[in-house]
Amino acid sequence: MTQCPSPQARKRHCRRLISAAVHQALDAEHRTWAREDDSPQGSVKARLEQAWPDSLADGQLIKDDEGRDQLKAMPEAKRSSMFPDPWRTNPVGRFWDRLRGRDVTPRYLARLTKEEQESEQKWRTVGTIRRYILLILTLAQTVVATWYMKDHSSLSGLGAD
């Protein structure tokens, strides 16, 4: 403090010390930080408990690789194979398998639990619906574009005399 040349610099220094002391008091693990400005990291859990107590339910507060507390902002990444499972494209063969009662579960579903299979199937159904909607929209725009272009004489070079 005595090294500070002006009262303004002393005030800033005091504020920094007070802020660091508050964060150290709130740090339940009483960690020491390599950098002085990292002290707010220690009080993250206490500040979250005071501000948003519901945010700490269900394991939402986790520690990162360096041991710092943080909120889990998104689900963990689940890696899967980039190589697609082979499709059974023969509709007669699929129909025959169903008639005989064979349940040919795809490999990606065989690895999952029942709950995960239901969730996965729900999202695959939604994706299938979206693909069919996209197909219908693409065909509709093609029909409309063809309809409006049929009377244009500028297309005579393309066989539309």
Protein backbone atom coordinates (compact mmCIF):
# COMPACT_ATOMS: atom_id res chain seq x y z
CA MET A 1 0.00 0.00 0.00
CA THR A 2 2.76 2.41 0.81
CA GLN A 3 4.25 1.84 -2.64
CA CYS A 4 1.13 3.19 -4.35
CA PRO A 5 1.84 6.71 -5.61
CA SER A 6 -1.72 8.02 -5.56
CA PRO A 7 -4.87 7.55 -3.49
CA GLN A 8 -6.61 6.19 -6.62
CA ALA A 9 -4.06 3.40 -6.94
CA ARG A 10 -4.46 2.58 -3.24
CA LYS A 11 -8.23 2.32 -3.64
CA ARG A 12 -7.86 -0.05 -6.59
CA HIS A 13 -5.38 -2.16 -4.65
CA CYS A 14 -7.74 -2.30 -1.65
CA ARG A 15 -10.67 -3.30 -3.85
CA ARG A 16 -8.61 -6.07 -5.39
CA LEU A 17 -7.57 -7.35 -1.97
CA ILE A 18 -11.14 -7.22 -0.65
CA SER A 19 -12.45 -9.02 -3.73
CA ALA A 20 -9.82 -11.74 -3.38
CA ALA A 21 -10.63 -12.09 0.34
CA VAL A 22 -14.35 -12.48 -0.40
CA HIS A 23 -13.71 -15.18 -2.99
CA GLN A 24 -11.31 -17.00 -0.63
CA ALA A 25 -13.92 -16.91 2.14
CA LEU A 26 -16.54 -18.38 -0.20
CA ASP A 27 -14.19 -21.12 -1.44
CA ALA A 28 -15.15 -24.23 0.55
CA GLU A 29 -11.97 -26.07 -0.50
CA HIS A 30 -9.66 -23.13 0.39
CA ARG A 31 -7.56 -23.49 -2.74
CA THR A 32 -4.67 -21.25 -3.60
CA TRP A 33 -4.47 -20.03 -7.15
CA ALA A 34 -1.34 -19.51 -9.20
CA ARG A 35 -2.66 -16.25 -10.57
CA GLU A 36 -4.21 -13.60 -8.37
CA ASP A 37 -7.08 -12.94 -10.76
CA ASP A 38 -8.16 -16.63 -10.66
CA SER A 39 -9.57 -16.32 -7.13
CA PRO A 40 -13.19 -15.91 -8.37
CA GLN A 41 -12.97 -19.49 -9.66
CA GLY A 42 -12.94 -20.74 -6.08
CA SER A 43 -16.26 -19.16 -5.19
CA VAL A 44 -18.23 -20.37 -8.21
CA LYS A 45 -20.06 -23.10 -6.28
CA ALA A 46 -21.01 -20.82 -3.37
CA ARG A 47 -22.20 -18.07 -5.70
CA LEU A 48 -24.29 -20.51 -7.73
CA GLU A 49 -25.82 -21.97 -4.57
CA GLN A 50 -26.87 -18.49 -3.48
CA ALA A 51 -28.09 -17.23 -6.85
CA TRP A 52 -29.56 -20.36 -8.48
CA PRO A 53 -29.95 -23.20 -5.98
CA ASP A 54 -31.90 -25.29 -8.51
CA SER A 55 -28.99 -25.23 -10.95
CA LEU A 56 -26.98 -27.62 -8.79
CA ALA A 57 -29.52 -30.46 -8.94
CA ASP A 58 -28.84 -33.69 -10.84
CA GLY A 59 -25.08 -33.27 -11.03
CA GLN A 60 -25.18 -30.02 -12.98
CA LEU A 61 -22.06 -28.72 -11.24
CA ILE A 62 -18.99 -30.57 -12.47
CA LYS A 63 -15.23 -30.12 -12.32
CA ASP A 64 -13.27 -29.54 -15.49
CA ASP A 65 -9.88 -31.06 -16.31
CA GLU A 66 -8.09 -28.48 -14.17
CA GLY A 67 -10.31 -29.04 -11.11
CA ARG A 68 -12.38 -25.88 -11.49
CA ASP A 69 -16.12 -25.88 -10.75
CA GLN A 70 -18.40 -25.21 -13.69
CA LEU A 71 -21.99 -25.75 -14.76
CA LYS A 72 -22.63 -28.58 -17.18
CA ALA A 73 -23.88 -26.62 -20.18
CA MET A 74 -24.61 -29.50 -22.56
CA PRO A 75 -24.81 -33.29 -22.55
CA GLU A 76 -21.67 -35.32 -22.97
CA ALA A 77 -20.66 -36.09 -26.53
CA LYS A 78 -21.43 -39.67 -27.51
CA ARG A 79 -19.17 -40.93 -30.24
CA SER A 80 -20.47 -43.37 -32.77
CA SER A 81 -19.08 -45.05 -35.82
CA MET A 82 -18.87 -42.96 -38.97
CA PHE A 83 -19.31 -46.13 -41.04
CA PRO A 84 -23.03 -46.64 -41.67
CA ASP A 85 -24.81 -49.89 -40.91
CA PRO A 86 -25.76 -51.82 -44.04
CA TRP A 87 -29.34 -51.30 -45.16
CA ARG A 88 -31.61 -54.16 -46.00
CA THR A 89 -32.96 -52.62 -49.20
CA ASN A 90 -34.90 -55.61 -50.47
CA PRO A 91 -38.53 -54.97 -49.43
CA VAL A 92 -39.53 -58.57 -50.21
CA GLY A 93 -36.79 -59.89 -47.94
CA ARG A 94 -37.76 -57.50 -45.14
CA PHE A 95 -41.43 -58.47 -45.51
CA TRP A 96 -40.49 -62.16 -45.45
CA ASP A 97 -38.42 -61.67 -42.28
CA ARG A 98 -41.36 -59.95 -40.60
CA LEU A 99 -43.72 -62.76 -41.62
CA ARG A 100 -41.36 -65.34 -40.14
CA GLY A 101 -41.09 -63.32 -36.93
CA ARG A 102 -37.41 -62.49 -37.27
CA ASP A 103 -36.53 -59.29 -35.52
CA VAL A 104 -33.40 -58.02 -37.20
CA THR A 105 -32.30 -55.27 -34.84
CA PRO A 106 -29.71 -52.91 -36.34
CA ARG A 107 -26.29 -52.92 -34.69
CA TYR A 108 -26.62 -49.36 -33.42
CA LEU A 109 -29.79 -50.30 -31.51
CA ALA A 110 -28.43 -53.61 -30.20
CA ARG A 111 -25.81 -51.73 -28.15
CA LEU A 112 -28.37 -49.56 -26.31
CA THR A 113 -30.61 -50.18 -23.30
CA LYS A 114 -34.39 -50.33 -23.74
CA GLU A 115 -34.85 -46.69 -22.63
CA GLU A 116 -32.10 -45.51 -24.95
CA GLN A 117 -33.62 -47.56 -27.79
CA GLU A 118 -37.02 -45.91 -27.29
CA SER A 119 -35.44 -42.46 -27.24
CA GLU A 120 -33.34 -43.25 -30.30
CA GLN A 121 -36.35 -44.63 -32.16
CA LYS A 122 -38.35 -41.50 -31.35
CA TRP A 123 -35.65 -39.27 -32.86
CA ARG A 124 -35.27 -41.52 -35.89
CA THR A 125 -39.04 -41.29 -36.47
CA VAL A 126 -38.87 -37.51 -36.28
CA GLY A 127 -35.94 -37.52 -38.71
CA THR A 128 -37.83 -39.76 -41.13
CA ILE A 129 -40.85 -37.45 -41.05
CA ARG A 130 -38.61 -34.46 -41.75
CA ARG A 131 -37.00 -36.24 -44.70
CA TYR A 132 -40.40 -37.09 -46.20
CA ILE A 133 -41.55 -33.48 -45.77
CA LEU A 134 -38.38 -32.31 -47.53
CA LEU A 135 -39.01 -34.80 -50.35
CA ILE A 136 -42.60 -33.58 -50.79
CA LEU A 137 -41.52 -29.93 -50.80
CA THR A 138 -38.79 -30.64 -53.35
CA LEU A 139 -41.21 -32.46 -55.65
CA ALA A 140 -43.84 -29.73 -55.24
CA GLN A 141 -41.41 -26.96 -56.16
CA THR A 142 -40.26 -28.96 -59.18
CA VAL A 143 -43.86 -29.38 -60.36
CA VAL A 144 -44.62 -25.67 -59.87
CA ALA A 145 -41.43 -24.58 -61.64
CA THR A 146 -42.12 -26.93 -64.56
CA TRP A 147 -45.71 -25.71 -64.82
CA TYR A 148 -44.68 -22.06 -65.06
CA MET A 149 -41.85 -22.72 -67.51
CA LYS A 150 -43.85 -24.79 -70.01
CA ASP A 151 -45.13 -21.78 -72.01
CA HIS A 152 -41.84 -19.90 -72.36
CA SER A 153 -40.67 -19.71 -75.96
CA SER A 154 -37.13 -18.92 -74.78
CA LEU A 155 -36.77 -22.61 -73.98
CA SER A 156 -37.14 -23.61 -77.66
CA GLY A 157 -33.53 -24.74 -77.77
CA LEU A 158 -34.35 -27.33 -75.16
CA GLY A 159 -37.03 -28.99 -77.27
CA ALA A 160 -40.05 -26.97 -76.06
CA ASP A 161 -41.21 -25.63 -79.47
